[in-house]
Protein backbone atom coordinates (compact mmCIF):
# COMPACT_ATOMS: atom_id res chain seq x y z
CA MET A 1 7.57 -21.36 17.45
CA GLN A 2 4.22 -21.88 16.42
CA VAL A 3 1.31 -19.47 17.40
CA TYR A 4 -2.59 -20.47 16.54
CA LEU A 5 -4.50 -17.56 15.15
CA PRO A 6 -7.80 -18.07 16.32
CA ILE A 7 -9.45 -16.04 13.54
CA ALA A 8 -7.58 -16.82 10.62
CA GLU A 9 -7.68 -20.79 12.13
CA VAL A 10 -4.24 -22.08 11.62
CA SER A 11 -1.05 -22.08 12.80
CA VAL A 12 1.60 -20.00 11.54
CA ASN A 13 5.58 -19.60 13.08
CA ALA A 14 5.94 -17.06 14.96
CA PHE A 15 9.08 -15.88 13.91
CA LEU A 16 8.16 -16.35 10.12
CA LEU A 17 5.58 -13.58 10.84
CA LEU A 18 8.05 -11.18 13.21
CA GLY A 19 10.28 -11.59 9.73
CA LEU A 20 7.84 -10.85 7.18
CA GLY A 21 6.40 -7.33 9.51
CA GLY A 22 10.02 -6.20 9.48
CA ILE A 23 10.95 -6.77 5.72
CA VAL A 24 7.44 -4.77 5.21
CA GLY A 25 8.06 -2.10 7.32
CA ILE A 26 11.88 -1.31 5.72
CA LEU A 27 9.94 -1.38 2.60
CA SER A 28 7.42 1.20 3.77
CA GLY A 29 10.40 3.58 5.54
CA MET A 30 12.17 3.31 2.08
CA PHE A 31 9.80 3.97 -0.70
CA GLY A 32 6.76 5.85 1.51
CA VAL A 33 4.08 2.63 0.96
CA GLY A 34 2.33 0.70 3.21
CA GLY A 35 3.73 -2.39 2.37
CA GLY A 36 0.50 -4.42 1.83
CA PHE A 37 1.00 -4.67 -1.66
CA LEU A 38 3.90 -7.41 -0.83
CA MET A 39 2.57 -8.43 2.60
CA THR A 40 -1.08 -9.55 1.80
CA PRO A 41 -0.38 -11.57 -0.90
CA LEU A 42 2.95 -13.26 1.25
CA LEU A 43 0.35 -14.18 4.23
CA PHE A 44 -1.69 -15.60 0.72
CA PHE A 45 1.24 -17.72 0.67
CA ILE A 46 1.59 -19.11 3.73
CA GLY A 47 -1.91 -20.01 4.31
CA ILE A 48 -3.75 -17.23 6.10
CA PRO A 49 -7.54 -16.94 4.11
CA PRO A 50 -7.62 -13.49 1.53
CA ALA A 51 -10.80 -12.52 4.10
CA VAL A 52 -8.81 -12.51 6.96
CA ALA A 53 -4.81 -11.49 5.73
CA VAL A 54 -6.94 -8.08 3.92
CA ALA A 55 -8.37 -7.15 7.14
CA THR A 56 -5.51 -7.80 9.27
CA GLU A 57 -3.19 -6.77 7.38
CA ALA A 58 -4.46 -3.30 7.06
CA ASN A 59 -3.70 -2.75 10.97
CA GLN A 60 0.05 -3.76 10.16
CA ILE A 61 0.37 -0.96 7.87
CA VAL A 62 -0.87 1.85 10.45
CA ALA A 63 2.08 0.88 12.76
CA SER A 64 4.81 0.86 10.16
CA SER A 65 3.55 3.90 8.44
CA PHE A 66 3.43 5.88 11.68
CA SER A 67 7.02 4.87 12.39
CA GLY A 68 7.83 6.06 9.15
CA VAL A 69 6.22 9.41 9.51
CA LEU A 70 7.74 10.01 12.94
CA ALA A 71 11.94 9.97 11.12
CA HIS A 72 9.85 12.04 7.65
CA LEU A 73 8.75 14.64 10.43
CA LYS A 74 11.66 15.38 11.77
CA ARG A 75 13.27 15.81 8.04
CA LYS A 76 10.08 17.85 7.25
CA THR A 77 9.75 16.20 4.37
CA VAL A 78 5.89 15.76 4.73
CA ASP A 79 3.23 17.99 3.31
CA LEU A 80 0.52 17.96 5.87
CA ARG A 81 -2.07 20.53 3.49
CA MET A 82 -1.41 17.96 0.62
CA GLY A 83 -2.12 14.77 3.30
CA THR A 84 -5.28 16.21 4.89
CA VAL A 85 -6.73 16.57 1.12
CA LEU A 86 -5.65 13.01 0.37
CA LEU A 87 -7.19 12.05 3.27
CA ILE A 88 -10.53 13.17 2.95
CA GLY A 89 -10.91 11.13 -0.43
CA GLY A 90 -9.08 8.20 1.37
CA LEU A 91 -12.06 8.03 4.30
CA VAL A 92 -15.21 8.14 1.28
CA GLY A 93 -13.08 5.37 -0.69
CA ALA A 94 -12.24 3.46 2.47
CA ALA A 95 -16.11 3.28 3.25
CA LEU A 96 -17.31 2.76 -0.37
CA GLY A 97 -14.64 -0.57 -0.53
CA VAL A 98 -15.90 -1.90 2.97
CA ILE A 99 -19.48 -1.76 1.11
CA VAL A 100 -18.30 -3.39 -2.00
CA PHE A 101 -16.08 -6.14 0.22
CA ASN A 102 -18.82 -7.09 2.16
CA TYR A 103 -21.12 -7.74 -0.45
CA LEU A 104 -18.21 -9.88 -2.37
CA LYS A 105 -18.00 -11.87 0.52
CA ALA A 106 -21.62 -12.49 1.21
CA GLN A 107 -21.40 -13.87 -2.62
CA GLY A 108 -18.43 -16.16 -1.46
CA GLN A 109 -16.18 -14.48 -4.78
CA VAL A 110 -14.01 -12.12 -2.41
CA ASP A 111 -11.04 -14.54 -2.09
CA LEU A 112 -10.74 -14.74 -6.05
CA LEU A 113 -11.64 -10.52 -6.51
CA VAL A 114 -8.91 -9.59 -3.93
CA LYS A 115 -6.26 -12.07 -6.05
CA LEU A 116 -7.29 -10.80 -9.88
CA CYS A 117 -7.44 -6.97 -8.60
CA TYR A 118 -3.61 -7.54 -6.95
CA VAL A 119 -2.61 -9.17 -10.39
CA VAL A 120 -4.32 -6.24 -12.56
CA PHE A 121 -3.08 -3.32 -10.22
CA LEU A 122 0.44 -4.58 -9.44
CA GLY A 123 1.24 -5.73 -13.12
CA VAL A 124 0.29 -2.20 -14.73
CA ILE A 125 1.55 0.10 -11.88
CA GLY A 126 4.73 -1.91 -11.76
CA GLY A 127 5.71 -1.99 -16.13
CA LEU A 128 4.78 1.54 -15.72
CA MET A 129 7.13 2.44 -12.95
CA PHE A 130 10.22 -0.29 -14.28
CA ILE A 131 9.69 1.69 -17.68
CA GLU A 132 9.57 4.94 -16.38
CA SER A 133 12.61 4.62 -13.83
CA LEU A 134 14.86 2.69 -16.89
CA ASN A 135 14.56 6.08 -18.80
CA ALA A 136 14.99 8.08 -16.02
CA ILE A 137 18.08 6.72 -15.45
CA ARG A 138 19.30 6.75 -18.77
CA LYS A 139 18.86 10.53 -18.87
CA THR A 140 20.68 10.59 -15.84
CA LYS A 141 23.30 8.86 -17.26
CA SER A 142 23.73 10.73 -20.16
CA GLY A 143 23.93 13.69 -18.24
CA LYS A 144 20.47 15.07 -18.69
CA PRO A 145 18.49 15.58 -15.60
CA PRO A 146 14.89 13.60 -15.87
CA ALA A 147 12.41 16.61 -16.57
CA ARG A 148 9.22 16.44 -14.59
CA LYS A 149 5.89 18.44 -16.60
CA LYS A 150 5.42 21.15 -14.58
CA HIS A 151 2.21 22.30 -16.04
CA ASN A 152 -0.46 20.04 -17.40
CA TRP A 153 -4.33 19.84 -17.81
CA ILE A 154 -4.81 19.32 -13.93
CA HIS A 155 -3.22 22.68 -13.27
CA GLY A 156 -6.43 24.53 -15.33
CA LEU A 157 -8.61 22.88 -13.07
CA PRO A 158 -10.62 25.14 -10.39
CA PHE A 159 -10.66 25.15 -6.89
CA LYS A 160 -7.05 25.56 -6.09
CA MET A 161 -4.80 25.68 -3.20
CA ARG A 162 -1.51 26.41 -2.93
CA PHE A 163 0.67 23.42 -1.18
CA ARG A 164 3.89 25.19 0.27
CA VAL A 165 5.68 22.49 1.28
CA SER A 166 5.25 21.01 -2.33
CA GLY A 167 5.58 23.86 -3.92
CA LEU A 168 2.41 23.70 -5.87
CA TYR A 169 -0.73 25.63 -7.14
CA ILE A 170 -3.05 23.45 -7.99
CA SER A 171 -6.74 22.16 -7.59
CA VAL A 172 -8.04 19.63 -4.91
CA ILE A 173 -10.22 17.49 -7.09
CA PRO A 174 -7.12 15.35 -8.80
CA PRO A 175 -5.33 14.88 -4.80
CA LEU A 176 -9.35 13.89 -4.06
CA LEU A 177 -10.04 11.65 -6.45
CA VAL A 178 -6.39 9.98 -5.90
CA GLY A 179 -7.52 9.33 -2.13
CA VAL A 180 -10.61 7.96 -3.02
CA SER A 181 -9.20 5.26 -5.75
CA VAL A 182 -6.84 4.59 -2.81
CA GLY A 183 -9.36 4.40 -0.43
CA ILE A 184 -11.01 1.77 -2.23
CA LEU A 185 -8.14 -0.02 -2.83
CA ALA A 186 -7.25 -0.01 1.02
CA ALA A 187 -10.61 -1.83 1.75
CA ILE A 188 -10.93 -4.24 -1.14
CA MET A 189 -7.09 -5.33 -1.23
CA GLY A 190 -5.63 -4.55 2.47
CA VAL A 191 -3.05 -2.02 1.18
CA GLY A 192 -2.10 1.13 1.84
CA GLY A 193 -2.17 2.17 -1.71
CA GLY A 194 1.19 3.59 -1.42
CA PHE A 195 1.89 1.44 -4.60
CA ILE A 196 -0.86 3.81 -6.50
CA MET A 197 -0.25 7.00 -4.72
CA VAL A 198 3.46 7.38 -4.73
CA PRO A 199 3.37 7.13 -8.50
CA ALA A 200 0.29 9.61 -8.91
CA MET A 201 1.30 12.03 -6.70
CA ILE A 202 5.01 12.58 -8.85
CA TYR A 203 3.56 11.84 -12.04
CA LEU A 204 -0.11 13.50 -11.49
CA LEU A 205 0.40 16.24 -9.06
CA GLY A 206 3.90 16.91 -9.59
CA MET A 207 5.16 16.24 -6.27
CA PRO A 208 9.03 16.41 -5.16
CA THR A 209 9.91 12.78 -4.90
CA LYS A 210 11.31 13.56 -1.30
CA VAL A 211 7.95 14.85 -0.25
CA VAL A 212 6.27 12.31 -1.53
CA VAL A 213 7.36 9.37 0.38
CA GLY A 214 6.10 11.46 3.96
CA THR A 215 3.08 12.46 2.72
CA SER A 216 1.75 9.14 1.65
CA LEU A 217 2.51 7.50 4.68
CA PHE A 218 0.68 10.56 6.39
CA GLN A 219 -2.29 9.83 4.59
CA ILE A 220 -1.94 5.30 4.90
CA ILE A 221 -2.21 5.93 8.33
CA PHE A 222 -5.68 7.25 8.93
CA VAL A 223 -6.81 5.75 5.89
CA THR A 224 -5.86 2.09 6.75
CA ALA A 225 -7.25 2.87 10.50
CA PHE A 226 -10.47 3.45 9.03
CA THR A 227 -10.33 0.88 7.29
CA THR A 228 -9.59 -1.99 10.19
CA LEU A 229 -12.25 -0.51 12.25
CA LEU A 230 -14.58 -1.10 9.28
CA HIS A 231 -13.29 -4.68 8.84
CA ALA A 232 -13.61 -5.45 12.51
CA THR A 233 -16.86 -4.01 12.97
CA THR A 234 -18.79 -5.54 9.92
CA ASN A 235 -16.58 -8.78 9.29
CA PHE A 236 -15.38 -9.30 11.90
CA THR A 237 -11.55 -10.70 10.10
CA VAL A 238 -8.95 -8.69 11.91
CA ASP A 239 -6.97 -11.61 14.03
CA ILE A 240 -5.38 -9.60 16.60
CA VAL A 241 -2.48 -12.20 17.61
CA LEU A 242 -1.75 -12.21 13.55
CA ALA A 243 -1.70 -8.06 13.86
CA VAL A 244 0.73 -7.83 16.57
CA LEU A 245 3.38 -9.97 15.70
CA LEU A 246 2.98 -7.87 12.04
CA LEU A 247 3.22 -5.08 14.12
CA VAL A 248 6.25 -5.35 16.36
CA GLY A 249 8.26 -6.29 12.94
CA GLY A 250 6.68 -3.57 11.33
CA VAL A 251 7.80 -0.62 13.74
CA ILE A 252 11.30 -2.34 13.89
CA GLY A 253 11.45 -1.98 9.99
CA ALA A 254 10.66 1.05 9.06
CA GLN A 255 12.92 2.91 11.37
CA VAL A 256 15.51 1.07 9.55
CA GLY A 257 13.88 1.94 5.77
CA THR A 258 13.69 5.39 6.64
CA ARG A 259 17.90 4.96 7.22
CA ILE A 260 18.25 3.48 3.77
CA GLY A 261 15.84 5.43 1.32
CA VAL A 262 17.04 9.01 2.37
CA LYS A 263 20.86 7.32 0.90
CA MET A 264 19.59 6.47 -2.39
CA LYS A 265 18.53 8.02 -5.32
CA ALA A 266 14.95 8.79 -6.15
CA GLU A 267 15.11 6.76 -9.36
CA GLN A 268 16.70 3.78 -7.81
CA LEU A 269 13.76 3.88 -5.47
CA ARG A 270 11.53 4.13 -7.85
CA ILE A 271 13.03 0.83 -10.19
CA LEU A 272 13.83 -1.52 -6.94
CA LEU A 273 9.69 -0.44 -6.33
CA ALA A 274 8.79 -1.46 -9.54
CA ILE A 275 10.66 -4.53 -9.57
CA MET A 276 9.43 -6.29 -6.33
CA VAL A 277 5.61 -5.27 -7.38
CA LEU A 278 6.20 -7.19 -10.94
CA ALA A 279 7.60 -9.69 -8.52
CA VAL A 280 5.04 -10.24 -7.06
CA CYS A 281 2.24 -9.71 -9.45
CA GLY A 282 3.95 -13.15 -11.59
CA LYS A 283 4.19 -15.11 -8.26
CA LEU A 284 0.01 -14.62 -8.02
CA ALA A 285 -1.13 -14.92 -11.26
CA LEU A 286 1.16 -18.20 -11.17
CA ASP A 287 -0.97 -19.40 -8.64
CA LEU A 288 -4.14 -18.42 -10.14
CA LEU A 289 -3.08 -20.11 -13.60
CA LEU A 290 -1.95 -23.18 -12.38
CA MET A 291 -4.02 -25.74 -11.11
CA PRO A 292 -3.60 -26.17 -6.83
CA SER A 293 -2.59 -29.47 -5.69
CA GLU A 294 -5.23 -29.85 -3.54
CA LEU A 295 -8.54 -29.06 -5.97
CA TYR A 296 -11.48 -28.70 -2.61
CA SER A 297 -10.65 -26.97 0.44
CA VAL A 298 -13.01 -27.21 3.81
CA GLY A 299 -13.95 -23.91 5.29
CA ALA A 300 -16.24 -22.53 8.07
CA SER A 301 -19.81 -21.22 6.78
CA ASP A 302 -19.24 -17.87 7.40
CA GLY A 303 -16.79 -17.21 4.49
CA HIS A 304 -13.49 -18.36 6.31
C-alpha cells in the first residue's frame, strides 16, 4: 500500500514504514536509545531526503522513548534528578545544533554533513563499545566480575550533587556537557543521542546499567521534542504522514523491547548495540565511497 509523503515528495509503502518503526521501537526499549541512529539511515536508504529524515525521525523518537520510559518508571529504574541535569544541557545543545543545521542547509551541504557525522560517530562509538563488551564478557566467563571504575578525575570537579537512584555523588558539569553534545547531535543527525549518552553514562559518569536505560530515554523525550519543534518552525521539513506511521510502529515496538531487555545481561545488550551501530556505519560508508547509479538528481530549490 503506497502512501505519498507530501514534504518528502516521495511515495513509500505504508507497511514498510510501520515495520521500520516497530523495529526501532524494540531497540529503544532494549537499549535505552532513541533508535534514530538506525532509523534515520534506513530512511535515507528508502529514498527519504536527509533533511526531511532528520527532522521527522526526531518526532518518532519522542513516541518510542515515551513508551519505553513508562515501562521503566514502573520498575523504578529512572534517575529523574540525573535526567533533569542531562535535559538542561540537551536543550541548550539542541538549539545550537539547529542553528548549525540551518546554516549548512542554506549552503547546500547538509546532506553530506549528516552522512559524514553518522559514519564518524557510529564508527568510533561502535568500535569502542564492541571492544569493551568483549572484554567484559571474557572476564565474566573467567569468573571475574567486570570492574567499573568508581572514582576518576570527574569525581574531583566542583558543583557536586547527590544522585540517589544512581548511587552517585558527582559534579553536575560532566552530565551537563554530555547533555549539550547529545542535544547538538539530535538536531544535526536526527537521533536521540542514546548511542553516545548510554556509553557516557556507564563509563564516564559511572552509573549502573539498569538505571542508565530509563534515564537516557527520559532525557531523549524532551530533547527530541524540542528539536522537532525547532525544525518544524524554522525548516518546515517535518513530514506528518511519515511521522505518524513511524510513531505507531515505534510505540508498539518499545513495549516489546523493554520486556526483552530486562531478560538479557548488560554485557549482551552492549555488544548487540555495538554490532548494530557498526553495521549501519559500514553501509553508510559504502554509500559515500561507491559511485551512485545516478550521478545527478533533480530537487526543489528550497533544499529538499
